Amino acid sequence: MALLQLVTRQFHIEDRARGRVIASGEIDAEGLVVWDETEASVSEQLSDLAEEIQHHIAAGHSGGQLRPPLEWFEL
């Protein structure tokens, strides 16, 4: 029986207007977002941001524009 290798990819979300990271997390082997740290400024938007990131991943992207001025990037 072959072992399934678990792969996670780290990412962060940057507020380009403020020039700082406002959230970070992992993308698990199934393409789901798991949050590590978030600022209060985005805490109510986490499910929407996760959904946008998952759509980007499904399209083969490793980063991109969320709602302006937010962008996400794989590390």
PDB file of N, CA and C in Angstrom:
ATOM      1  N   MET A   1       0.838  -1.168   0.000  1.00  0.00           N
ATOM      2  CA  MET A   1       0.000   0.000   0.000  1.00  0.00           C
ATOM      3  C   MET A   1       0.892   1.243   0.000  1.00  0.00           C
ATOM      4  N   ALA A   2       0.625   2.156  -0.903  1.00  0.00           N
ATOM      5  CA  ALA A   2       1.410   3.385  -1.003  1.00  0.00           C
ATOM      6  C   ALA A   2       0.948   4.384   0.049  1.00  0.00           C
ATOM      7  N   LEU A   3       1.902   5.083   0.603  1.00  0.00           N
ATOM      8  CA  LEU A   3       1.572   6.117   1.579  1.00  0.00           C
ATOM      9  C   LEU A   3       1.277   7.420   0.863  1.00  0.00           C
ATOM     10  N   LEU A   4       0.247   8.086   1.295  1.00  0.00           N
ATOM     11  CA  LEU A   4      -0.112   9.380   0.739  1.00  0.00           C
ATOM     12  C   LEU A   4       0.737  10.444   1.419  1.00  0.00           C
ATOM     13  N   GLN A   5       1.473  11.195   0.623  1.00  0.00           N
ATOM     14  CA  GLN A   5       2.307  12.244   1.176  1.00  0.00           C
ATOM     15  C   GLN A   5       1.458  13.499   1.401  1.00  0.00           C
ATOM     16  N   LEU A   6       1.487  13.998   2.625  1.00  0.00           N
ATOM     17  CA  LEU A   6       0.743  15.209   2.932  1.00  0.00           C
ATOM     18  C   LEU A   6       1.602  16.416   2.589  1.00  0.00           C
ATOM     19  N   VAL A   7       1.058  17.282   1.783  1.00  0.00           N
ATOM     20  CA  VAL A   7       1.782  18.464   1.352  1.00  0.00           C
ATOM     21  C   VAL A   7       0.971  19.689   1.749  1.00  0.00           C
ATOM     22  N   THR A   8       1.612  20.601   2.431  1.00  0.00           N
ATOM     23  CA  THR A   8       0.977  21.877   2.723  1.00  0.00           C
ATOM     24  C   THR A   8       1.856  22.975   2.161  1.00  0.00           C
ATOM     25  N   ARG A   9       1.215  24.061   1.785  1.00  0.00           N
ATOM     26  CA  ARG A   9       1.940  25.208   1.242  1.00  0.00           C
ATOM     27  C   ARG A   9       1.603  26.423   2.093  1.00  0.00           C
ATOM     28  N   GLN A  10       2.623  27.143   2.493  1.00  0.00           N
ATOM     29  CA  GLN A  10       2.450  28.345   3.304  1.00  0.00           C
ATOM     30  C   GLN A  10       2.080  29.527   2.413  1.00  0.00           C
ATOM     31  N   PHE A  11       1.282  30.450   2.946  1.00  0.00           N
ATOM     32  CA  PHE A  11       0.943  31.665   2.207  1.00  0.00           C
ATOM     33  C   PHE A  11       0.741  32.809   3.192  1.00  0.00           C
ATOM     34  N   HIS A  12       0.732  34.023   2.655  1.00  0.00           N
ATOM     35  CA  HIS A  12       0.318  35.159   3.462  1.00  0.00           C
ATOM     36  C   HIS A  12      -0.507  36.113   2.618  1.00  0.00           C
ATOM     37  N   ILE A  13      -1.268  36.946   3.304  1.00  0.00           N
ATOM     38  CA  ILE A  13      -2.054  37.997   2.667  1.00  0.00           C
ATOM     39  C   ILE A  13      -1.447  39.318   3.102  1.00  0.00           C
ATOM     40  N   GLU A  14      -1.173  40.153   2.125  1.00  0.00           N
ATOM     41  CA  GLU A  14      -0.577  41.452   2.403  1.00  0.00           C
ATOM     42  C   GLU A  14      -1.562  42.562   2.059  1.00  0.00           C
ATOM     43  N   ASP A  15      -1.628  43.538   2.928  1.00  0.00           N
ATOM     44  CA  ASP A  15      -2.375  44.767   2.646  1.00  0.00           C
ATOM     45  C   ASP A  15      -1.383  45.695   1.962  1.00  0.00           C
ATOM     46  N   ARG A  16      -1.504  45.835   0.646  1.00  0.00           N
ATOM     47  CA  ARG A  16      -0.537  46.607  -0.134  1.00  0.00           C
ATOM     48  C   ARG A  16      -0.568  48.090   0.226  1.00  0.00           C
ATOM     49  N   ALA A  17      -1.706  48.612   0.651  1.00  0.00           N
ATOM     50  CA  ALA A  17      -1.796  50.029   1.014  1.00  0.00           C
ATOM     51  C   ALA A  17      -1.000  50.326   2.285  1.00  0.00           C
ATOM     52  N   ARG A  18      -1.032  49.396   3.226  1.00  0.00           N
ATOM     53  CA  ARG A  18      -0.303  49.581   4.487  1.00  0.00           C
ATOM     54  C   ARG A  18       1.070  48.938   4.463  1.00  0.00           C
ATOM     55  N   GLY A  19       1.342  48.108   3.445  1.00  0.00           N
ATOM     56  CA  GLY A  19       2.641  47.460   3.328  1.00  0.00           C
ATOM     57  C   GLY A  19       2.936  46.476   4.439  1.00  0.00           C
ATOM     58  N   ARG A  20       1.926  45.709   4.845  1.00  0.00           N
ATOM     59  CA  ARG A  20       2.159  44.738   5.909  1.00  0.00           C
ATOM     60  C   ARG A  20       1.316  43.486   5.722  1.00  0.00           C
ATOM     61  N   VAL A  21       1.810  42.401   6.290  1.00  0.00           N
ATOM     62  CA  VAL A  21       1.106  41.119   6.254  1.00  0.00           C
ATOM     63  C   VAL A  21      -0.011  41.171   7.290  1.00  0.00           C
ATOM     64  N   ILE A  22      -1.227  40.816   6.857  1.00  0.00           N
ATOM     65  CA  ILE A  22      -2.372  40.872   7.767  1.00  0.00           C
ATOM     66  C   ILE A  22      -2.946  39.496   8.088  1.00  0.00           C
ATOM     67  N   ALA A  23      -2.499  38.475   7.362  1.00  0.00           N
ATOM     68  CA  ALA A  23      -2.964  37.114   7.640  1.00  0.00           C
ATOM     69  C   ALA A  23      -1.961  36.128   7.060  1.00  0.00           C
ATOM     70  N   SER A  24      -1.882  34.959   7.675  1.00  0.00           N
ATOM     71  CA  SER A  24      -1.028  33.895   7.150  1.00  0.00           C
ATOM     72  C   SER A  24      -1.690  32.559   7.438  1.00  0.00           C
ATOM     73  N   GLY A  25      -1.286  31.567   6.667  1.00  0.00           N
ATOM     74  CA  GLY A  25      -1.862  30.248   6.853  1.00  0.00           C
ATOM     75  C   GLY A  25      -1.222  29.227   5.950  1.00  0.00           C
ATOM     76  N   GLU A  26      -1.915  28.102   5.814  1.00  0.00           N
ATOM     77  CA  GLU A  26      -1.455  26.999   4.980  1.00  0.00           C
ATOM     78  C   GLU A  26      -2.569  26.588   4.035  1.00  0.00           C
ATOM     79  N   ILE A  27      -2.167  26.060   2.913  1.00  0.00           N
ATOM     80  CA  ILE A  27      -3.083  25.421   1.978  1.00  0.00           C
ATOM     81  C   ILE A  27      -2.797  23.935   2.127  1.00  0.00           C
ATOM     82  N   ASP A  28      -3.792  23.171   2.557  1.00  0.00           N
ATOM     83  CA  ASP A  28      -3.544  21.755   2.824  1.00  0.00           C
ATOM     84  C   ASP A  28      -3.547  20.926   1.541  1.00  0.00           C
ATOM     85  N   ALA A  29      -3.334  19.638   1.689  1.00  0.00           N
ATOM     86  CA  ALA A  29      -3.227  18.735   0.538  1.00  0.00           C
ATOM     87  C   ALA A  29      -4.502  18.688  -0.296  1.00  0.00           C
ATOM     88  N   GLU A  30      -5.630  19.045   0.297  1.00  0.00           N
ATOM     89  CA  GLU A  30      -6.906  19.043  -0.424  1.00  0.00           C
ATOM     90  C   GLU A  30      -7.244  20.409  -1.014  1.00  0.00           C
ATOM     91  N   GLY A  31      -6.330  21.381  -0.853  1.00  0.00           N
ATOM     92  CA  GLY A  31      -6.559  22.720  -1.384  1.00  0.00           C
ATOM     93  C   GLY A  31      -7.373  23.619  -0.484  1.00  0.00           C
ATOM     94  N   LEU A  32      -7.549  23.215   0.767  1.00  0.00           N
ATOM     95  CA  LEU A  32      -8.317  24.022   1.717  1.00  0.00           C
ATOM     96  C   LEU A  32      -7.396  24.956   2.493  1.00  0.00           C
ATOM     97  N   VAL A  33      -7.911  26.116   2.844  1.00  0.00           N
ATOM     98  CA  VAL A  33      -7.150  27.116   3.581  1.00  0.00           C
ATOM     99  C   VAL A  33      -7.292  26.868   5.081  1.00  0.00           C
ATOM    100  N   VAL A  34      -6.157  26.842   5.776  1.00  0.00           N
ATOM    101  CA  VAL A  34      -6.112  26.717   7.229  1.00  0.00           C
ATOM    102  C   VAL A  34      -5.385  27.957   7.745  1.00  0.00           C
ATOM    103  N   TRP A  35      -6.065  28.769   8.532  1.00  0.00           N
ATOM    104  CA  TRP A  35      -5.491  30.027   9.008  1.00  0.00           C
ATOM    105  C   TRP A  35      -4.560  29.788  10.184  1.00  0.00           C
ATOM    106  N   ASP A  36      -3.396  30.478  10.184  1.00  0.00           N
ATOM    107  CA  ASP A  36      -2.465  30.449  11.312  1.00  0.00           C
ATOM    108  C   ASP A  36      -2.634  31.706  12.160  1.00  0.00           C
ATOM    109  N   GLU A  37      -2.486  32.866  11.528  1.00  0.00           N
ATOM    110  CA  GLU A  37      -2.596  34.144  12.225  1.00  0.00           C
ATOM    111  C   GLU A  37      -3.369  35.124  11.363  1.00  0.00           C
ATOM    112  N   THR A  38      -4.184  35.943  11.999  1.00  0.00           N
ATOM    113  CA  THR A  38      -4.921  36.976  11.268  1.00  0.00           C
ATOM    114  C   THR A  38      -5.049  38.223  12.130  1.00  0.00           C
ATOM    115  N   GLU A  39      -5.094  39.371  11.472  1.00  0.00           N
ATOM    116  CA  GLU A  39      -5.382  40.624  12.163  1.00  0.00           C
ATOM    117  C   GLU A  39      -6.886  40.760  12.339  1.00  0.00           C
ATOM    118  N   ALA A  40      -7.279  41.513  13.325  1.00  0.00           N
ATOM    119  CA  ALA A  40      -8.700  41.749  13.573  1.00  0.00           C
ATOM    120  C   ALA A  40      -9.373  42.417  12.381  1.00  0.00           C
ATOM    121  N   SER A  41      -8.609  43.186  11.596  1.00  0.00           N
ATOM    122  CA  SER A  41      -9.191  43.922  10.467  1.00  0.00           C
ATOM    123  C   SER A  41      -9.795  43.010   9.403  1.00  0.00           C
ATOM    124  N   VAL A  42      -9.376  41.747   9.350  1.00  0.00           N
ATOM    125  CA  VAL A  42      -9.911  40.821   8.345  1.00  0.00           C
ATOM    126  C   VAL A  42     -10.621  39.619   8.960  1.00  0.00           C
ATOM    127  N   SER A  43     -10.739  39.582  10.274  1.00  0.00           N
ATOM    128  CA  SER A  43     -11.279  38.391  10.934  1.00  0.00           C
ATOM    129  C   SER A  43     -12.697  38.045  10.494  1.00  0.00           C
ATOM    130  N   GLU A  44     -13.506  39.040  10.159  1.00  0.00           N
ATOM    131  CA  GLU A  44     -14.876  38.766   9.720  1.00  0.00           C
ATOM    132  C   GLU A  44     -14.951  38.346   8.257  1.00  0.00           C
ATOM    133  N   GLN A  45     -13.856  38.458   7.520  1.00  0.00           N
ATOM    134  CA  GLN A  45     -13.844  38.160   6.091  1.00  0.00           C
ATOM    135  C   GLN A  45     -13.101  36.876   5.758  1.00  0.00           C
ATOM    136  N   LEU A  46     -12.697  36.103   6.756  1.00  0.00           N
ATOM    137  CA  LEU A  46     -11.837  34.946   6.519  1.00  0.00           C
ATOM    138  C   LEU A  46     -12.455  33.915   5.590  1.00  0.00           C
ATOM    139  N   SER A  47     -13.736  33.617   5.740  1.00  0.00           N
ATOM    140  CA  SER A  47     -14.338  32.598   4.873  1.00  0.00           C
ATOM    141  C   SER A  47     -14.387  33.081   3.427  1.00  0.00           C
ATOM    142  N   ASP A  48     -14.677  34.368   3.199  1.00  0.00           N
ATOM    143  CA  ASP A  48     -14.680  34.905   1.833  1.00  0.00           C
ATOM    144  C   ASP A  48     -13.278  34.905   1.233  1.00  0.00           C
ATOM    145  N   LEU A  49     -12.281  35.291   2.033  1.00  0.00           N
ATOM    146  CA  LEU A  49     -10.901  35.303   1.546  1.00  0.00           C
ATOM    147  C   LEU A  49     -10.429  33.885   1.235  1.00  0.00           C
ATOM    148  N   ALA A  50     -10.771  32.924   2.101  1.00  0.00           N
ATOM    149  CA  ALA A  50     -10.393  31.529   1.865  1.00  0.00           C
ATOM    150  C   ALA A  50     -11.006  31.020   0.569  1.00  0.00           C
ATOM    151  N   GLU A  51     -12.264  31.363   0.326  1.00  0.00           N
ATOM    152  CA  GLU A  51     -12.935  30.932  -0.904  1.00  0.00           C
ATOM    153  C   GLU A  51     -12.242  31.509  -2.141  1.00  0.00           C
ATOM    154  N   GLU A  52     -11.864  32.785  -2.082  1.00  0.00           N
ATOM    155  CA  GLU A  52     -11.158  33.400  -3.214  1.00  0.00           C
ATOM    156  C   GLU A  52      -9.821  32.717  -3.465  1.00  0.00           C
ATOM    157  N   ILE A  53      -9.077  32.445  -2.390  1.00  0.00           N
ATOM    158  CA  ILE A  53      -7.778  31.781  -2.525  1.00  0.00           C
ATOM    159  C   ILE A  53      -7.963  30.389  -3.117  1.00  0.00           C
ATOM    160  N   GLN A  54      -8.977  29.653  -2.673  1.00  0.00           N
ATOM    161  CA  GLN A  54      -9.228  28.311  -3.197  1.00  0.00           C
ATOM    162  C   GLN A  54      -9.560  28.350  -4.684  1.00  0.00           C
ATOM    163  N   HIS A  55     -10.277  29.372  -5.137  1.00  0.00           N
ATOM    164  CA  HIS A  55     -10.556  29.523  -6.569  1.00  0.00           C
ATOM    165  C   HIS A  55      -9.268  29.782  -7.343  1.00  0.00           C
ATOM    166  N   HIS A  56      -8.392  30.605  -6.793  1.00  0.00           N
ATOM    167  CA  HIS A  56      -7.104  30.880  -7.443  1.00  0.00           C
ATOM    168  C   HIS A  56      -6.277  29.596  -7.558  1.00  0.00           C
ATOM    169  N   ILE A  57      -6.248  28.810  -6.479  1.00  0.00           N
ATOM    170  CA  ILE A  57      -5.488  27.555  -6.478  1.00  0.00           C
ATOM    171  C   ILE A  57      -6.044  26.601  -7.524  1.00  0.00           C
ATOM    172  N   ALA A  58      -7.362  26.484  -7.595  1.00  0.00           N
ATOM    173  CA  ALA A  58      -7.995  25.603  -8.579  1.00  0.00           C
ATOM    174  C   ALA A  58      -7.651  26.020 -10.006  1.00  0.00           C
ATOM    175  N   ALA A  59      -7.419  27.315 -10.207  1.00  0.00           N
ATOM    176  CA  ALA A  59      -7.047  27.823 -11.534  1.00  0.00           C
ATOM    177  C   ALA A  59      -5.542  27.716 -11.778  1.00  0.00           C
ATOM    178  N   GLY A  60      -4.792  27.201 -10.802  1.00  0.00           N
ATOM    179  CA  GLY A  60      -3.364  26.993 -10.979  1.00  0.00           C
ATOM    180  C   GLY A  60      -2.484  28.162 -10.573  1.00  0.00           C
ATOM    181  N   HIS A  61      -3.032  29.124  -9.842  1.00  0.00           N
ATOM    182  CA  HIS A  61      -2.255  30.296  -9.431  1.00  0.00           C
ATOM    183  C   HIS A  61      -1.618  30.077  -8.061  1.00  0.00           C
ATOM    184  N   SER A  62      -0.502  30.756  -7.813  1.00  0.00           N
ATOM    185  CA  SER A  62       0.165  30.680  -6.514  1.00  0.00           C
ATOM    186  C   SER A  62       0.159  32.036  -5.815  1.00  0.00           C
ATOM    187  N   GLY A  63      -0.760  32.883  -6.206  1.00  0.00           N
ATOM    188  CA  GLY A  63      -0.914  34.201  -5.606  1.00  0.00           C
ATOM    189  C   GLY A  63      -1.842  35.016  -6.467  1.00  0.00           C
ATOM    190  N   GLY A  64      -2.234  36.177  -5.953  1.00  0.00           N
ATOM    191  CA  GLY A  64      -3.073  37.031  -6.768  1.00  0.00           C
ATOM    192  C   GLY A  64      -3.808  38.084  -5.977  1.00  0.00           C
ATOM    193  N   GLN A  65      -4.534  38.899  -6.709  1.00  0.00           N
ATOM    194  CA  GLN A  65      -5.303  40.001  -6.138  1.00  0.00           C
ATOM    195  C   GLN A  65      -6.577  39.478  -5.491  1.00  0.00           C
ATOM    196  N   LEU A  66      -6.794  39.867  -4.255  1.00  0.00           N
ATOM    197  CA  LEU A  66      -8.068  39.634  -3.592  1.00  0.00           C
ATOM    198  C   LEU A  66      -8.821  40.951  -3.709  1.00  0.00           C
ATOM    199  N   ARG A  67      -9.657  41.276  -2.756  1.00  0.00           N
ATOM    200  CA  ARG A  67     -10.291  42.593  -2.849  1.00  0.00           C
ATOM    201  C   ARG A  67      -9.214  43.642  -2.581  1.00  0.00           C
ATOM    202  N   PRO A  68      -9.130  44.678  -3.406  1.00  0.00           N
ATOM    203  CA  PRO A  68      -8.077  45.690  -3.233  1.00  0.00           C
ATOM    204  C   PRO A  68      -8.171  46.335  -1.849  1.00  0.00           C
ATOM    205  N   PRO A  69      -7.070  46.556  -1.195  1.00  0.00           N
ATOM    206  CA  PRO A  69      -5.679  46.436  -1.629  1.00  0.00           C
ATOM    207  C   PRO A  69      -5.020  45.128  -1.204  1.00  0.00           C
ATOM    208  N   LEU A  70      -5.800  44.062  -0.992  1.00  0.00           N
ATOM    209  CA  LEU A  70      -5.248  42.802  -0.494  1.00  0.00           C
ATOM    210  C   LEU A  70      -4.763  41.905  -1.621  1.00  0.00           C
ATOM    211  N   GLU A  71      -3.590  41.293  -1.399  1.00  0.00           N
ATOM    212  CA  GLU A  71      -3.032  40.298  -2.314  1.00  0.00           C
ATOM    213  C   GLU A  71      -2.540  39.125  -1.487  1.00  0.00           C
ATOM    214  N   TRP A  72      -2.575  37.938  -2.084  1.00  0.00           N
ATOM    215  CA  TRP A  72      -2.053  36.763  -1.392  1.00  0.00           C
ATOM    216  C   TRP A  72      -0.912  36.171  -2.204  1.00  0.00           C
ATOM    217  N   PHE A  73       0.027  35.511  -1.501  1.00  0.00           N
ATOM    218  CA  PHE A  73       1.213  34.932  -2.126  1.00  0.00           C
ATOM    219  C   PHE A  73       1.588  33.648  -1.410  1.00  0.00           C
ATOM    220  N   GLU A  74       1.939  32.626  -2.197  1.00  0.00           N
ATOM    221  CA  GLU A  74       2.541  31.431  -1.597  1.00  0.00           C
ATOM    222  C   GLU A  74       3.968  31.763  -1.228  1.00  0.00           C
ATOM    223  N   LEU A  75       4.432  31.189  -0.141  1.00  0.00           N
ATOM    224  CA  LEU A  75       5.812  31.416   0.305  1.00  0.00           C
ATOM    225  C   LEU A  75       6.707  30.291  -0.135  1.00  0.00           C
TER     226      LEU A  75
END
